[in-house]
């Protein structure tokens, strides 16, 4: 009887101290990031990373860690962990080439997005070019997918030029982005909403605040980053109540992705106390 009880106790104790599923840990970490508790989030994620055995599971945790650093605007750390995810997809190139190269490009672009939002424009440009080149390695890539990578790169280069105050360079890349968008067939409808976000972004950073508002109002109003851009444009125009309204919307973002990683902390800092 004692042996039976001991075995039962060991089973019960093991269950009590078992690690929660990785998906639960990731959800908990995401909530901590949204609350501005990134160090706590990464402690949880590091434990999940150490207990993960499948390479795909490790890559998933590494991507979450990358986004955790993004909530703190840390370009270098985000890029470090996104590179680990890219390294995983490199191992999948032989068995799943179409998806592998696309995901490699996606991860590089995620790192780039965090870098541009943090103001590290040189790193952002380097990572956007890397994402473009990796994506185009997809074998037998469709014309739409090729146009998508061109669109993303030109979109990014226009924003970077605007951040640098180079009006002519920004205009050139906006035109190239529009040409890439217009060359799409199936993907055009999906990607069109990102064009007024581009022109609004460029207008904002080049000082044309009324045009920025006009264009950004045509972009997705569910995107917290668009709301932050609108808030900044309204601020420049002296329309403080409209700006605060935009920041309130952005501050309520609950996604764990690059737009929210920048927009939520930025907007919360802009809101009046209380």
C-alpha atoms as a PDB file:
ATOM      1  CA  UNK A   1       0.000   0.000   0.000  1.00  0.00           C
ATOM      2  CA  UNK A   2       2.855   2.390   0.863  1.00  0.00           C
ATOM      3  CA  UNK A   3       4.446   1.812  -2.557  1.00  0.00           C
ATOM      4  CA  UNK A   4       1.113   2.483  -4.257  1.00  0.00           C
ATOM      5  CA  UNK A   5       0.645   5.705  -2.275  1.00  0.00           C
ATOM      6  CA  UNK A   6       4.211   6.829  -3.015  1.00  0.00           C
ATOM      7  CA  UNK A   7       3.731   6.223  -6.734  1.00  0.00           C
ATOM      8  CA  UNK A   8       0.439   8.118  -6.654  1.00  0.00           C
ATOM      9  CA  UNK A   9       2.082  11.027  -4.812  1.00  0.00           C
ATOM     10  CA  UNK A  10       4.966  11.151  -7.287  1.00  0.00           C
ATOM     11  CA  UNK A  11       2.536  11.278 -10.208  1.00  0.00           C
ATOM     12  CA  UNK A  12       0.493  14.005  -8.560  1.00  0.00           C
ATOM     13  CA  UNK A  13       3.568  16.043  -7.633  1.00  0.00           C
ATOM     14  CA  UNK A  14       4.994  15.728 -11.144  1.00  0.00           C
ATOM     15  CA  UNK A  15       1.723  17.006 -12.580  1.00  0.00           C
ATOM     16  CA  UNK A  16       1.657  19.891 -10.124  1.00  0.00           C
ATOM     17  CA  UNK A  17       5.137  21.059 -11.072  1.00  0.00           C
ATOM     18  CA  UNK A  18       4.938  20.319 -14.798  1.00  0.00           C
ATOM     19  CA  UNK A  19       5.706  23.167 -17.169  1.00  0.00           C
ATOM     20  CA  UNK A  20       2.583  24.779 -18.641  1.00  0.00           C
ATOM     21  CA  UNK A  21       2.135  24.326 -22.395  1.00  0.00           C
ATOM     22  CA  UNK A  22       4.315  26.648 -24.480  1.00  0.00           C
ATOM     23  CA  UNK A  23       1.222  28.324 -25.917  1.00  0.00           C
ATOM     24  CA  UNK A  24       0.092  29.279 -22.394  1.00  0.00           C
ATOM     25  CA  UNK A  25       3.520  30.670 -21.565  1.00  0.00           C
ATOM     26  CA  UNK A  26       3.535  32.717 -24.758  1.00  0.00           C
ATOM     27  CA  UNK A  27       0.088  34.140 -23.945  1.00  0.00           C
ATOM     28  CA  UNK A  28       1.246  35.073 -20.445  1.00  0.00           C
ATOM     29  CA  UNK A  29       4.415  36.673 -21.828  1.00  0.00           C
ATOM     30  CA  UNK A  30       2.439  38.636 -24.400  1.00  0.00           C
ATOM     31  CA  UNK A  31       0.247  40.083 -21.650  1.00  0.00           C
ATOM     32  CA  UNK A  32       3.337  41.087 -19.674  1.00  0.00           C
ATOM     33  CA  UNK A  33       4.778  42.851 -22.734  1.00  0.00           C
ATOM     34  CA  UNK A  34       1.533  44.759 -23.201  1.00  0.00           C
ATOM     35  CA  UNK A  35       1.783  45.838 -19.556  1.00  0.00           C
ATOM     36  CA  UNK A  36       5.345  47.069 -20.089  1.00  0.00           C
ATOM     37  CA  UNK A  37       6.909  44.195 -18.134  1.00  0.00           C
ATOM     38  CA  UNK A  38       9.269  42.939 -20.797  1.00  0.00           C
ATOM     39  CA  UNK A  39      11.923  41.551 -18.456  1.00  0.00           C
ATOM     40  CA  UNK A  40       9.309  39.377 -16.732  1.00  0.00           C
ATOM     41  CA  UNK A  41       7.972  38.261 -20.107  1.00  0.00           C
ATOM     42  CA  UNK A  42      11.402  37.203 -21.317  1.00  0.00           C
ATOM     43  CA  UNK A  43      12.106  35.233 -18.140  1.00  0.00           C
ATOM     44  CA  UNK A  44       9.022  33.152 -18.864  1.00  0.00           C
ATOM     45  CA  UNK A  45       9.963  32.794 -22.511  1.00  0.00           C
ATOM     46  CA  UNK A  46      13.542  31.771 -21.710  1.00  0.00           C
ATOM     47  CA  UNK A  47      12.197  28.931 -19.561  1.00  0.00           C
ATOM     48  CA  UNK A  48       9.907  27.888 -22.412  1.00  0.00           C
ATOM     49  CA  UNK A  49      12.836  28.028 -24.839  1.00  0.00           C
ATOM     50  CA  UNK A  50      14.976  25.812 -22.649  1.00  0.00           C
ATOM     51  CA  UNK A  51      12.217  23.223 -22.275  1.00  0.00           C
ATOM     52  CA  UNK A  52      11.262  23.182 -25.965  1.00  0.00           C
ATOM     53  CA  UNK A  53      12.603  20.201 -27.881  1.00  0.00           C
ATOM     54  CA  UNK A  54      11.214  20.573 -31.409  1.00  0.00           C
ATOM     55  CA  UNK A  55      13.096  23.070 -33.620  1.00  0.00           C
ATOM     56  CA  UNK A  56       9.813  24.615 -34.796  1.00  0.00           C
ATOM     57  CA  UNK A  57       8.743  25.191 -31.188  1.00  0.00           C
ATOM     58  CA  UNK A  58      12.060  26.865 -30.394  1.00  0.00           C
ATOM     59  CA  UNK A  59      11.677  29.088 -33.444  1.00  0.00           C
ATOM     60  CA  UNK A  60       8.198  30.104 -32.306  1.00  0.00           C
ATOM     61  CA  UNK A  61       9.494  31.098 -28.871  1.00  0.00           C
ATOM     62  CA  UNK A  62      12.431  32.977 -30.391  1.00  0.00           C
ATOM     63  CA  UNK A  63      10.049  34.966 -32.565  1.00  0.00           C
ATOM     64  CA  UNK A  64       8.022  35.858 -29.475  1.00  0.00           C
ATOM     65  CA  UNK A  65      11.198  36.962 -27.681  1.00  0.00           C
ATOM     66  CA  UNK A  66      12.039  39.120 -30.697  1.00  0.00           C
ATOM     67  CA  UNK A  67       8.673  40.861 -30.376  1.00  0.00           C
ATOM     68  CA  UNK A  68       9.164  41.248 -26.632  1.00  0.00           C
ATOM     69  CA  UNK A  69      12.303  43.269 -27.357  1.00  0.00           C
ATOM     70  CA  UNK A  70      10.346  45.187 -29.982  1.00  0.00           C
ATOM     71  CA  UNK A  71       8.020  46.505 -27.264  1.00  0.00           C
ATOM     72  CA  UNK A  72      11.110  48.165 -25.781  1.00  0.00           C
ATOM     73  CA  UNK A  73      12.237  49.519 -29.146  1.00  0.00           C
ATOM     74  CA  UNK A  74      15.401  47.409 -29.096  1.00  0.00           C
ATOM     75  CA  UNK A  75      16.423  47.017 -32.730  1.00  0.00           C
ATOM     76  CA  UNK A  76      19.575  44.964 -32.071  1.00  0.00           C
ATOM     77  CA  UNK A  77      17.943  42.400 -29.763  1.00  0.00           C
ATOM     78  CA  UNK A  78      14.913  42.035 -31.994  1.00  0.00           C
ATOM     79  CA  UNK A  79      17.171  41.404 -34.989  1.00  0.00           C
ATOM     80  CA  UNK A  80      19.249  38.904 -32.997  1.00  0.00           C
ATOM     81  CA  UNK A  81      16.219  36.733 -32.238  1.00  0.00           C
ATOM     82  CA  UNK A  82      14.653  37.155 -35.685  1.00  0.00           C
ATOM     83  CA  UNK A  83      17.931  35.851 -37.123  1.00  0.00           C
ATOM     84  CA  UNK A  84      17.512  32.718 -34.999  1.00  0.00           C
ATOM     85  CA  UNK A  85      14.090  32.211 -36.554  1.00  0.00           C
ATOM     86  CA  UNK A  86      15.572  32.722 -40.023  1.00  0.00           C
ATOM     87  CA  UNK A  87      18.205  30.109 -39.168  1.00  0.00           C
ATOM     88  CA  UNK A  88      15.404  27.641 -38.424  1.00  0.00           C
ATOM     89  CA  UNK A  89      13.737  28.292 -41.776  1.00  0.00           C
ATOM     90  CA  UNK A  90      17.066  27.764 -43.534  1.00  0.00           C
ATOM     91  CA  UNK A  91      16.875  24.161 -42.296  1.00  0.00           C
ATOM     92  CA  UNK A  92      13.467  23.849 -44.012  1.00  0.00           C
ATOM     93  CA  UNK A  93      14.576  25.106 -47.442  1.00  0.00           C
ATOM     94  CA  UNK A  94      15.049  21.622 -48.892  1.00  0.00           C
ATOM     95  CA  UNK A  95      11.743  20.134 -47.684  1.00  0.00           C
ATOM     96  CA  UNK A  96       9.539  23.233 -47.811  1.00  0.00           C
ATOM     97  CA  UNK A  97      11.274  25.759 -50.089  1.00  0.00           C
ATOM     98  CA  UNK A  98       8.286  27.950 -50.996  1.00  0.00           C
ATOM     99  CA  UNK A  99       7.317  28.560 -47.391  1.00  0.00           C
ATOM    100  CA  UNK A 100      10.885  28.642 -46.044  1.00  0.00           C
ATOM    101  CA  UNK A 101      12.153  31.487 -48.217  1.00  0.00           C
ATOM    102  CA  UNK A 102       8.941  33.465 -47.726  1.00  0.00           C
ATOM    103  CA  UNK A 103       9.224  33.118 -43.944  1.00  0.00           C
ATOM    104  CA  UNK A 104      12.890  34.119 -44.022  1.00  0.00           C
ATOM    105  CA  UNK A 105      11.912  37.304 -45.829  1.00  0.00           C
ATOM    106  CA  UNK A 106       9.061  37.923 -43.397  1.00  0.00           C
ATOM    107  CA  UNK A 107      11.319  37.588 -40.352  1.00  0.00           C
ATOM    108  CA  UNK A 108      13.907  39.953 -41.821  1.00  0.00           C
ATOM    109  CA  UNK A 109      11.172  42.488 -42.565  1.00  0.00           C
ATOM    110  CA  UNK A 110       9.886  42.201 -38.986  1.00  0.00           C
ATOM    111  CA  UNK A 111      13.353  43.067 -37.686  1.00  0.00           C
ATOM    112  CA  UNK A 112      13.540  45.934 -40.175  1.00  0.00           C
ATOM    113  CA  UNK A 113      10.188  47.318 -39.052  1.00  0.00           C
ATOM    114  CA  UNK A 114      11.300  47.440 -35.436  1.00  0.00           C
ATOM    115  CA  UNK A 115      14.571  49.113 -36.433  1.00  0.00           C
ATOM    116  CA  UNK A 116      12.920  51.848 -38.486  1.00  0.00           C
ATOM    117  CA  UNK A 117      10.410  52.549 -35.724  1.00  0.00           C
ATOM    118  CA  UNK A 118      13.249  52.822 -33.197  1.00  0.00           C
ATOM    119  CA  UNK A 119      15.064  55.307 -35.452  1.00  0.00           C
ATOM    120  CA  UNK A 120      17.910  53.009 -36.517  1.00  0.00           C
ATOM    121  CA  UNK A 121      17.498  53.759 -40.209  1.00  0.00           C
ATOM    122  CA  UNK A 122      20.720  52.170 -41.444  1.00  0.00           C
ATOM    123  CA  UNK A 123      19.908  48.858 -39.773  1.00  0.00           C
ATOM    124  CA  UNK A 124      16.325  49.078 -41.038  1.00  0.00           C
ATOM    125  CA  UNK A 125      17.460  49.526 -44.634  1.00  0.00           C
ATOM    126  CA  UNK A 126      19.910  46.635 -44.346  1.00  0.00           C
ATOM    127  CA  UNK A 127      17.249  44.288 -42.953  1.00  0.00           C
ATOM    128  CA  UNK A 128      14.612  45.350 -45.496  1.00  0.00           C
ATOM    129  CA  UNK A 129      17.036  44.630 -48.330  1.00  0.00           C
ATOM    130  CA  UNK A 130      17.864  41.290 -46.766  1.00  0.00           C
ATOM    131  CA  UNK A 131      14.158  40.425 -46.505  1.00  0.00           C
ATOM    132  CA  UNK A 132      13.619  41.359 -50.147  1.00  0.00           C
ATOM    133  CA  UNK A 133      16.534  39.227 -51.325  1.00  0.00           C
ATOM    134  CA  UNK A 134      15.572  36.215 -49.207  1.00  0.00           C
ATOM    135  CA  UNK A 135      11.961  36.345 -50.353  1.00  0.00           C
ATOM    136  CA  UNK A 136      12.973  36.400 -53.997  1.00  0.00           C
ATOM    137  CA  UNK A 137      14.920  33.150 -53.552  1.00  0.00           C
ATOM    138  CA  UNK A 138      11.608  31.270 -53.504  1.00  0.00           C
ATOM    139  CA  UNK A 139      11.780  28.766 -56.370  1.00  0.00           C
ATOM    140  CA  UNK A 140       9.354  29.362 -59.249  1.00  0.00           C
ATOM    141  CA  UNK A 141       8.122  32.473 -57.480  1.00  0.00           C
ATOM    142  CA  UNK A 142       4.868  33.870 -58.859  1.00  0.00           C
ATOM    143  CA  UNK A 143       4.774  37.293 -60.483  1.00  0.00           C
ATOM    144  CA  UNK A 144       2.467  38.530 -57.708  1.00  0.00           C
ATOM    145  CA  UNK A 145       4.815  37.312 -54.984  1.00  0.00           C
ATOM    146  CA  UNK A 146       7.763  38.936 -56.782  1.00  0.00           C
ATOM    147  CA  UNK A 147       5.821  42.206 -57.025  1.00  0.00           C
ATOM    148  CA  UNK A 148       4.981  41.955 -53.321  1.00  0.00           C
ATOM    149  CA  UNK A 149       8.660  41.879 -52.348  1.00  0.00           C
ATOM    150  CA  UNK A 150       9.376  44.824 -54.647  1.00  0.00           C
ATOM    151  CA  UNK A 151       6.443  46.719 -53.144  1.00  0.00           C
ATOM    152  CA  UNK A 152       7.592  46.081 -49.608  1.00  0.00           C
ATOM    153  CA  UNK A 153      11.140  47.199 -50.312  1.00  0.00           C
ATOM    154  CA  UNK A 154      10.143  50.372 -52.174  1.00  0.00           C
ATOM    155  CA  UNK A 155       7.561  51.132 -49.471  1.00  0.00           C
ATOM    156  CA  UNK A 156      10.282  50.847 -46.837  1.00  0.00           C
ATOM    157  CA  UNK A 157      12.861  52.861 -48.771  1.00  0.00           C
ATOM    158  CA  UNK A 158      10.336  55.680 -49.236  1.00  0.00           C
ATOM    159  CA  UNK A 159       9.690  55.814 -45.488  1.00  0.00           C
ATOM    160  CA  UNK A 160      13.400  55.733 -44.709  1.00  0.00           C
ATOM    161  CA  UNK A 161      14.069  58.552 -47.205  1.00  0.00           C
ATOM    162  CA  UNK A 162      11.302  60.628 -45.619  1.00  0.00           C
ATOM    163  CA  UNK A 163      12.772  60.034 -42.163  1.00  0.00           C
ATOM    164  CA  UNK A 164      16.083  61.293 -43.531  1.00  0.00           C
ATOM    165  CA  UNK A 165      14.381  64.372 -44.951  1.00  0.00           C
ATOM    166  CA  UNK A 166      15.125  63.437 -48.559  1.00  0.00           C
ATOM    167  CA  UNK A 167      11.995  64.538 -50.427  1.00  0.00           C
ATOM    168  CA  UNK A 168      13.146  63.605 -53.949  1.00  0.00           C
ATOM    169  CA  UNK A 169      14.323  60.147 -52.896  1.00  0.00           C
ATOM    170  CA  UNK A 170      11.083  59.518 -51.024  1.00  0.00           C
ATOM    171  CA  UNK A 171       9.004  60.530 -54.059  1.00  0.00           C
ATOM    172  CA  UNK A 172      11.004  58.214 -56.308  1.00  0.00           C
ATOM    173  CA  UNK A 173      10.397  55.225 -54.038  1.00  0.00           C
ATOM    174  CA  UNK A 174       6.698  56.065 -53.582  1.00  0.00           C
ATOM    175  CA  UNK A 175       6.339  55.970 -57.377  1.00  0.00           C
ATOM    176  CA  UNK A 176       8.178  52.643 -57.548  1.00  0.00           C
ATOM    177  CA  UNK A 177       5.982  51.218 -54.800  1.00  0.00           C
ATOM    178  CA  UNK A 178       2.863  52.295 -56.713  1.00  0.00           C
ATOM    179  CA  UNK A 179       4.178  50.644 -59.887  1.00  0.00           C
ATOM    180  CA  UNK A 180       4.805  47.390 -58.011  1.00  0.00           C
ATOM    181  CA  UNK A 181       1.330  47.551 -56.462  1.00  0.00           C
ATOM    182  CA  UNK A 182      -0.323  48.176 -59.839  1.00  0.00           C
ATOM    183  CA  UNK A 183       1.477  45.178 -61.346  1.00  0.00           C
ATOM    184  CA  UNK A 184      -0.195  42.780 -58.893  1.00  0.00           C
ATOM    185  CA  UNK A 185      -3.194  40.701 -59.811  1.00  0.00           C
ATOM    186  CA  UNK A 186      -4.557  38.606 -56.915  1.00  0.00           C
ATOM    187  CA  UNK A 187      -2.628  40.432 -54.184  1.00  0.00           C
ATOM    188  CA  UNK A 188      -3.465  43.986 -55.194  1.00  0.00           C
ATOM    189  CA  UNK A 189      -6.731  44.266 -53.255  1.00  0.00           C
ATOM    190  CA  UNK A 190      -5.001  42.959 -50.124  1.00  0.00           C
ATOM    191  CA  UNK A 191      -2.079  45.386 -50.391  1.00  0.00           C
ATOM    192  CA  UNK A 192      -3.853  48.585 -51.486  1.00  0.00           C
ATOM    193  CA  UNK A 193      -4.624  49.696 -47.924  1.00  0.00           C
ATOM    194  CA  UNK A 194      -0.912  49.985 -47.211  1.00  0.00           C
ATOM    195  CA  UNK A 195      -0.403  52.642 -49.883  1.00  0.00           C
ATOM    196  CA  UNK A 196      -2.197  55.578 -48.168  1.00  0.00           C
ATOM    197  CA  UNK A 197      -0.353  54.558 -45.012  1.00  0.00           C
ATOM    198  CA  UNK A 198       2.851  55.052 -47.029  1.00  0.00           C
ATOM    199  CA  UNK A 199       1.918  58.421 -48.509  1.00  0.00           C
ATOM    200  CA  UNK A 200       0.605  59.621 -45.158  1.00  0.00           C
ATOM    201  CA  UNK A 201       3.796  58.522 -43.419  1.00  0.00           C
ATOM    202  CA  UNK A 202       5.962  60.301 -45.998  1.00  0.00           C
ATOM    203  CA  UNK A 203       3.862  63.471 -45.789  1.00  0.00           C
ATOM    204  CA  UNK A 204       4.097  63.479 -41.983  1.00  0.00           C
ATOM    205  CA  UNK A 205       7.879  63.193 -41.889  1.00  0.00           C
ATOM    206  CA  UNK A 206       8.295  65.767 -44.646  1.00  0.00           C
ATOM    207  CA  UNK A 207       6.160  68.288 -42.768  1.00  0.00           C
ATOM    208  CA  UNK A 208       2.947  68.250 -44.841  1.00  0.00           C
ATOM    209  CA  UNK A 209       0.637  67.522 -41.933  1.00  0.00           C
ATOM    210  CA  UNK A 210      -2.702  68.178 -43.623  1.00  0.00           C
ATOM    211  CA  UNK A 211      -1.849  65.785 -46.452  1.00  0.00           C
ATOM    212  CA  UNK A 212      -0.732  63.277 -43.853  1.00  0.00           C
ATOM    213  CA  UNK A 213      -4.141  63.413 -42.167  1.00  0.00           C
ATOM    214  CA  UNK A 214      -5.990  63.138 -45.491  1.00  0.00           C
ATOM    215  CA  UNK A 215      -4.009  60.085 -46.583  1.00  0.00           C
ATOM    216  CA  UNK A 216      -3.865  58.330 -43.221  1.00  0.00           C
ATOM    217  CA  UNK A 217      -7.652  58.553 -42.908  1.00  0.00           C
ATOM    218  CA  UNK A 218      -7.780  56.308 -45.996  1.00  0.00           C
ATOM    219  CA  UNK A 219      -5.548  53.689 -44.379  1.00  0.00           C
ATOM    220  CA  UNK A 220      -6.736  50.985 -41.981  1.00  0.00           C
ATOM    221  CA  UNK A 221      -8.199  52.632 -38.883  1.00  0.00           C
ATOM    222  CA  UNK A 222      -7.776  49.366 -37.002  1.00  0.00           C
ATOM    223  CA  UNK A 223      -3.984  49.657 -37.247  1.00  0.00           C
ATOM    224  CA  UNK A 224      -2.634  51.216 -34.027  1.00  0.00           C
ATOM    225  CA  UNK A 225       0.426  52.478 -35.881  1.00  0.00           C
ATOM    226  CA  UNK A 226      -1.777  54.413 -38.291  1.00  0.00           C
ATOM    227  CA  UNK A 227      -3.564  55.901 -35.286  1.00  0.00           C
ATOM    228  CA  UNK A 228      -0.233  57.023 -33.825  1.00  0.00           C
ATOM    229  CA  UNK A 229       0.749  58.646 -37.125  1.00  0.00           C
ATOM    230  CA  UNK A 230      -2.615  60.402 -37.251  1.00  0.00           C
ATOM    231  CA  UNK A 231      -2.177  61.553 -33.669  1.00  0.00           C
ATOM    232  CA  UNK A 232       1.204  63.036 -34.493  1.00  0.00           C
ATOM    233  CA  UNK A 233      -0.185  64.815 -37.547  1.00  0.00           C
ATOM    234  CA  UNK A 234      -3.085  66.255 -35.549  1.00  0.00           C
ATOM    235  CA  UNK A 235      -0.652  67.401 -32.865  1.00  0.00           C
ATOM    236  CA  UNK A 236       1.387  69.268 -35.465  1.00  0.00           C
ATOM    237  CA  UNK A 237      -1.810  70.922 -36.687  1.00  0.00           C
ATOM    238  CA  UNK A 238      -2.685  72.000 -33.145  1.00  0.00           C
ATOM    239  CA  UNK A 239      -5.744  69.713 -32.953  1.00  0.00           C
ATOM    240  CA  UNK A 240      -4.961  68.258 -29.539  1.00  0.00           C
ATOM    241  CA  UNK A 241      -8.321  66.624 -28.818  1.00  0.00           C
ATOM    242  CA  UNK A 242      -8.233  64.685 -32.083  1.00  0.00           C
ATOM    243  CA  UNK A 243      -4.638  63.688 -31.359  1.00  0.00           C
ATOM    244  CA  UNK A 244      -5.541  62.382 -27.894  1.00  0.00           C
ATOM    245  CA  UNK A 245      -8.448  60.420 -29.354  1.00  0.00           C
ATOM    246  CA  UNK A 246      -6.054  58.723 -31.785  1.00  0.00           C
ATOM    247  CA  UNK A 247      -3.587  57.952 -29.008  1.00  0.00           C
ATOM    248  CA  UNK A 248      -6.328  56.433 -26.861  1.00  0.00           C
ATOM    249  CA  UNK A 249      -7.229  54.052 -29.685  1.00  0.00           C
ATOM    250  CA  UNK A 250      -3.598  53.110 -30.261  1.00  0.00           C
ATOM    251  CA  UNK A 251      -2.970  52.631 -26.537  1.00  0.00           C
ATOM    252  CA  UNK A 252      -5.653  49.927 -26.419  1.00  0.00           C
ATOM    253  CA  UNK A 253      -3.851  47.713 -28.954  1.00  0.00           C
ATOM    254  CA  UNK A 254      -3.627  44.098 -27.844  1.00  0.00           C
ATOM    255  CA  UNK A 255      -1.669  42.532 -30.707  1.00  0.00           C
ATOM    256  CA  UNK A 256       1.869  41.251 -30.200  1.00  0.00           C
ATOM    257  CA  UNK A 257       3.394  42.448 -33.481  1.00  0.00           C
ATOM    258  CA  UNK A 258       5.605  45.290 -34.768  1.00  0.00           C
ATOM    259  CA  UNK A 259       2.827  47.898 -35.236  1.00  0.00           C
ATOM    260  CA  UNK A 260       1.515  47.397 -31.705  1.00  0.00           C
ATOM    261  CA  UNK A 261       5.016  47.076 -30.256  1.00  0.00           C
ATOM    262  CA  UNK A 262       5.736  50.664 -31.239  1.00  0.00           C
ATOM    263  CA  UNK A 263       2.261  52.181 -31.105  1.00  0.00           C
ATOM    264  CA  UNK A 264       1.015  51.021 -27.707  1.00  0.00           C
ATOM    265  CA  UNK A 265       3.973  52.267 -25.587  1.00  0.00           C
ATOM    266  CA  UNK A 266       4.253  55.470 -27.648  1.00  0.00           C
ATOM    267  CA  UNK A 267       0.546  56.262 -27.340  1.00  0.00           C
ATOM    268  CA  UNK A 268       0.450  55.516 -23.610  1.00  0.00           C
ATOM    269  CA  UNK A 269       3.249  58.026 -23.049  1.00  0.00           C
ATOM    270  CA  UNK A 270       1.245  60.629 -24.980  1.00  0.00           C
ATOM    271  CA  UNK A 271      -1.930  60.268 -22.922  1.00  0.00           C
ATOM    272  CA  UNK A 272      -2.577  62.620 -19.996  1.00  0.00           C
ATOM    273  CA  UNK A 273      -2.141  60.977 -16.556  1.00  0.00           C
ATOM    274  CA  UNK A 274      -5.207  59.293 -15.143  1.00  0.00           C
END
